[in-house]
C-alpha atoms as a PDB file:
ATOM      1  CA  MET A   1     -30.763 -64.742  -6.471  1.00  0.00           C
ATOM      2  CA  LYS A   2     -29.241 -67.507  -4.470  1.00  0.00           C
ATOM      3  CA  VAL A   3     -26.686 -69.172  -6.339  1.00  0.00           C
ATOM      4  CA  PRO A   4     -25.440 -72.919  -5.044  1.00  0.00           C
ATOM      5  CA  ILE A   5     -22.081 -72.975  -3.423  1.00  0.00           C
ATOM      6  CA  ILE A   6     -21.671 -76.286  -5.177  1.00  0.00           C
ATOM      7  CA  ALA A   7     -22.007 -74.798  -8.469  1.00  0.00           C
ATOM      8  CA  VAL A   8     -19.424 -71.941  -7.571  1.00  0.00           C
ATOM      9  CA  ALA A   9     -16.822 -74.463  -6.816  1.00  0.00           C
ATOM     10  CA  ILE A  10     -17.215 -76.120 -10.040  1.00  0.00           C
ATOM     11  CA  ALA A  11     -17.183 -73.069 -11.977  1.00  0.00           C
ATOM     12  CA  LEU A  12     -14.268 -71.862 -10.346  1.00  0.00           C
ATOM     13  CA  VAL A  13     -12.261 -75.660 -11.008  1.00  0.00           C
ATOM     14  CA  SER A  14     -13.308 -75.177 -14.184  1.00  0.00           C
ATOM     15  CA  ALA A  15     -11.334 -71.875 -15.289  1.00  0.00           C
ATOM     16  CA  GLY A  16      -8.505 -72.845 -13.370  1.00  0.00           C
ATOM     17  CA  ALA A  17      -8.069 -76.022 -15.215  1.00  0.00           C
ATOM     18  CA  ALA A  18      -8.625 -73.973 -18.571  1.00  0.00           C
ATOM     19  CA  PHE A  19      -4.998 -72.040 -17.046  1.00  0.00           C
ATOM     20  CA  ALA A  20      -3.210 -74.669 -16.271  1.00  0.00           C
ATOM     21  CA  THR A  21      -1.286 -75.736 -19.207  1.00  0.00           C
ATOM     22  CA  ASP A  22       2.280 -77.824 -19.032  1.00  0.00           C
ATOM     23  CA  ASP A  23       5.188 -77.226 -20.895  1.00  0.00           C
ATOM     24  CA  CYS A  24       5.603 -80.023 -22.796  1.00  0.00           C
ATOM     25  CA  ASN A  25       2.186 -81.718 -24.165  1.00  0.00           C
ATOM     26  CA  VAL A  26       3.843 -85.356 -25.716  1.00  0.00           C
ATOM     27  CA  PRO A  27       1.349 -88.489 -25.283  1.00  0.00           C
ATOM     28  CA  MET A  28       3.763 -90.518 -23.205  1.00  0.00           C
ATOM     29  CA  ASN A  29       4.027 -93.445 -26.104  1.00  0.00           C
ATOM     30  CA  GLN A  30       6.112 -91.172 -27.699  1.00  0.00           C
ATOM     31  CA  TRP A  31       8.556 -90.141 -24.536  1.00  0.00           C
ATOM     32  CA  LYS A  32      12.348 -91.050 -25.704  1.00  0.00           C
ATOM     33  CA  PRO A  33      13.394 -92.887 -22.610  1.00  0.00           C
ATOM     34  CA  ARG A  34      15.144 -91.421 -19.486  1.00  0.00           C
ATOM     35  CA  GLU A  35      18.588 -92.823 -21.050  1.00  0.00           C
ATOM     36  CA  ALA A  36      18.803 -89.936 -24.731  1.00  0.00           C
ATOM     37  CA  VAL A  37      17.905 -87.740 -21.875  1.00  0.00           C
ATOM     38  CA  ALA A  38      21.164 -88.361 -20.036  1.00  0.00           C
ATOM     39  CA  GLN A  39      23.309 -88.926 -23.343  1.00  0.00           C
ATOM     40  CA  LEU A  40      21.985 -85.123 -24.529  1.00  0.00           C
ATOM     41  CA  ALA A  41      23.326 -84.076 -21.427  1.00  0.00           C
ATOM     42  CA  ALA A  42      26.520 -85.834 -21.621  1.00  0.00           C
ATOM     43  CA  ARG A  43      26.571 -84.066 -25.599  1.00  0.00           C
ATOM     44  CA  ASN A  44      26.708 -81.008 -23.658  1.00  0.00           C
ATOM     45  CA  GLY A  45      29.199 -81.585 -20.779  1.00  0.00           C
ATOM     46  CA  TRP A  46      26.551 -81.334 -18.213  1.00  0.00           C
ATOM     47  CA  LYS A  47      26.796 -83.335 -15.447  1.00  0.00           C
ATOM     48  CA  VAL A  48      23.467 -84.758 -14.167  1.00  0.00           C
ATOM     49  CA  GLU A  49      22.506 -84.636 -10.515  1.00  0.00           C
ATOM     50  CA  ARG A  50      18.395 -85.206 -11.328  1.00  0.00           C
ATOM     51  CA  ILE A  51      16.282 -86.167 -14.627  1.00  0.00           C
ATOM     52  CA  ARG A  52      12.838 -85.677 -13.445  1.00  0.00           C
ATOM     53  CA  ILE A  53       9.454 -84.900 -14.718  1.00  0.00           C
ATOM     54  CA  ASP A  54       7.865 -81.763 -14.669  1.00  0.00           C
ATOM     55  CA  ASP A  55       5.145 -79.426 -16.405  1.00  0.00           C
ATOM     56  CA  GLY A  56       5.097 -82.875 -19.079  1.00  0.00           C
ATOM     57  CA  CYS A  57       8.888 -81.983 -19.541  1.00  0.00           C
ATOM     58  CA  TYR A  58      11.905 -83.700 -18.862  1.00  0.00           C
ATOM     59  CA  GLN A  59      14.206 -81.355 -16.584  1.00  0.00           C
ATOM     60  CA  ILE A  60      17.628 -82.326 -15.877  1.00  0.00           C
ATOM     61  CA  GLN A  61      19.105 -80.240 -12.662  1.00  0.00           C
ATOM     62  CA  GLY A  62      23.100 -80.290 -12.506  1.00  0.00           C
ATOM     63  CA  LEU A  63      25.888 -78.453 -13.849  1.00  0.00           C
ATOM     64  CA  ASP A  64      27.818 -76.798 -16.895  1.00  0.00           C
ATOM     65  CA  THR A  65      30.565 -76.880 -18.223  1.00  0.00           C
ATOM     66  CA  GLY A  66      31.601 -74.213 -16.586  1.00  0.00           C
ATOM     67  CA  GLY A  67      30.698 -75.158 -12.371  1.00  0.00           C
ATOM     68  CA  HIS A  68      27.394 -73.417 -12.491  1.00  0.00           C
ATOM     69  CA  ARG A  69      24.075 -74.940 -11.160  1.00  0.00           C
ATOM     70  CA  ILE A  70      21.959 -75.123 -14.466  1.00  0.00           C
ATOM     71  CA  LYS A  71      17.972 -76.560 -15.001  1.00  0.00           C
ATOM     72  CA  VAL A  72      16.897 -77.817 -17.772  1.00  0.00           C
ATOM     73  CA  LYS A  73      13.480 -78.446 -19.576  1.00  0.00           C
ATOM     74  CA  VAL A  74      13.454 -80.663 -22.238  1.00  0.00           C
ATOM     75  CA  ASP A  75      10.305 -81.482 -24.595  1.00  0.00           C
ATOM     76  CA  PRO A  76      10.223 -85.377 -23.811  1.00  0.00           C
ATOM     77  CA  GLY A  77       9.211 -86.290 -27.753  1.00  0.00           C
ATOM     78  CA  SER A  78      12.205 -84.513 -29.381  1.00  0.00           C
ATOM     79  CA  LEU A  79      14.503 -83.550 -26.320  1.00  0.00           C
ATOM     80  CA  ALA A  80      14.383 -80.315 -27.611  1.00  0.00           C
ATOM     81  CA  LEU A  81      15.141 -78.167 -24.787  1.00  0.00           C
ATOM     82  CA  VAL A  82      12.487 -75.909 -23.645  1.00  0.00           C
ATOM     83  CA  GLU A  83      13.157 -73.737 -21.066  1.00  0.00           C
ATOM     84  CA  MET A  84      17.343 -73.687 -19.821  1.00  0.00           C
ATOM     85  CA  LYS A  85      18.379 -71.111 -16.146  1.00  0.00           C
ATOM     86  CA  ILE A  86      21.430 -71.101 -15.329  1.00  0.00           C
ATOM     87  CA  ARG A  87      22.629 -69.684 -11.938  1.00  0.00           C
ATOM     88  CA  TYR A  88      26.223 -68.590 -11.865  1.00  0.00           C
ATOM     89  CA  ARG A  89      28.444 -69.600  -9.213  1.00  0.00           C
ATOM     90  CA  ASP A  90      29.479 -66.119  -7.776  1.00  0.00           C
ATOM     91  CA  GLU A  91      25.123 -65.521  -7.942  1.00  0.00           C
ATOM     92  CA  PRO A  92      23.824 -65.576  -4.709  1.00  0.00           C
ATOM     93  CA  ALA A  93      20.980 -68.463  -4.704  1.00  0.00           C
ATOM     94  CA  ARG A  94      17.115 -66.461  -5.379  1.00  0.00           C
ATOM     95  CA  ARG A  95      14.478 -66.853  -2.058  1.00  0.00           C
END
C-alpha cells in the first residue's frame, strides 16, 4: 500500500509541532512591560546590552557585576528567572 506523500508530510509537521515548546507560556496581555525587565536587571547590578524575546520569554543579554557575559531568560508574567548562562571573562567562547 502506498501512502500519499502529502499525508506523510502532514504527519511529520504535526509531530514536530508537538515537540516544539516555548520556555514561557504567558498570554501577551499578562506580560510585564520591558521597562520592568530593565528595572529587574538594574536591581541585580547587570549592565544591559539587549532585551529581546526568545521562546516566549524575555531574554537579557549583558554583563553581570563582575563584568562576565550573561544571558538571562525571564518569565514575562512574573519576572522570575527561567534560565541564566554566565560566560566568565577567562573562559574562551564556545562555538
